[in-house]
Amino acid sequence: MAKIYTTVGTALSESRAGVVYSIKRDERGDLSCDCRSWINNQRKTEEGKRTCKHIERFLASQVARPAAQIGAAILGGRSAAQVWRDAEVVAPAREEKPSGGTFDLEAALAKLRQERG
């Protein structure tokens, strides 16, 4: 009986422009790729199964995806970059000096502007 494969991902070749490899999963859950490395059985996992860099990247992306989804849920559906960009930046008006006194930044800037006229 022939195995049934389901395409679960694709990967662009880094060495062959325009070539896209298919990553497939069989009914047992084993992954395969149509790249030369996987076909020629050049790399094996610790369990002795064939693998390639495309499968390894695919598996890594599947691990990263839930973390990204959790992060998006925490950020209200916005990316971290959007949250950072939209964040209000507030500089403290007074900062503690190492000597224990305070430094009024706004007053110092006003004095400097006045001196420069």
Foldseek 3Di string as FASTA:
>chain_A
DDWDKDFDDWDQDPVDPPDIKTWIATPVGDIAIPDPQQVVQPDADPVGHGDDVVVVVVVVVVVVVVVQVVVCVVVVNDHPVVCVVPDDDDDDQWDADPVGDIDGPVVVVVVVVVVVD
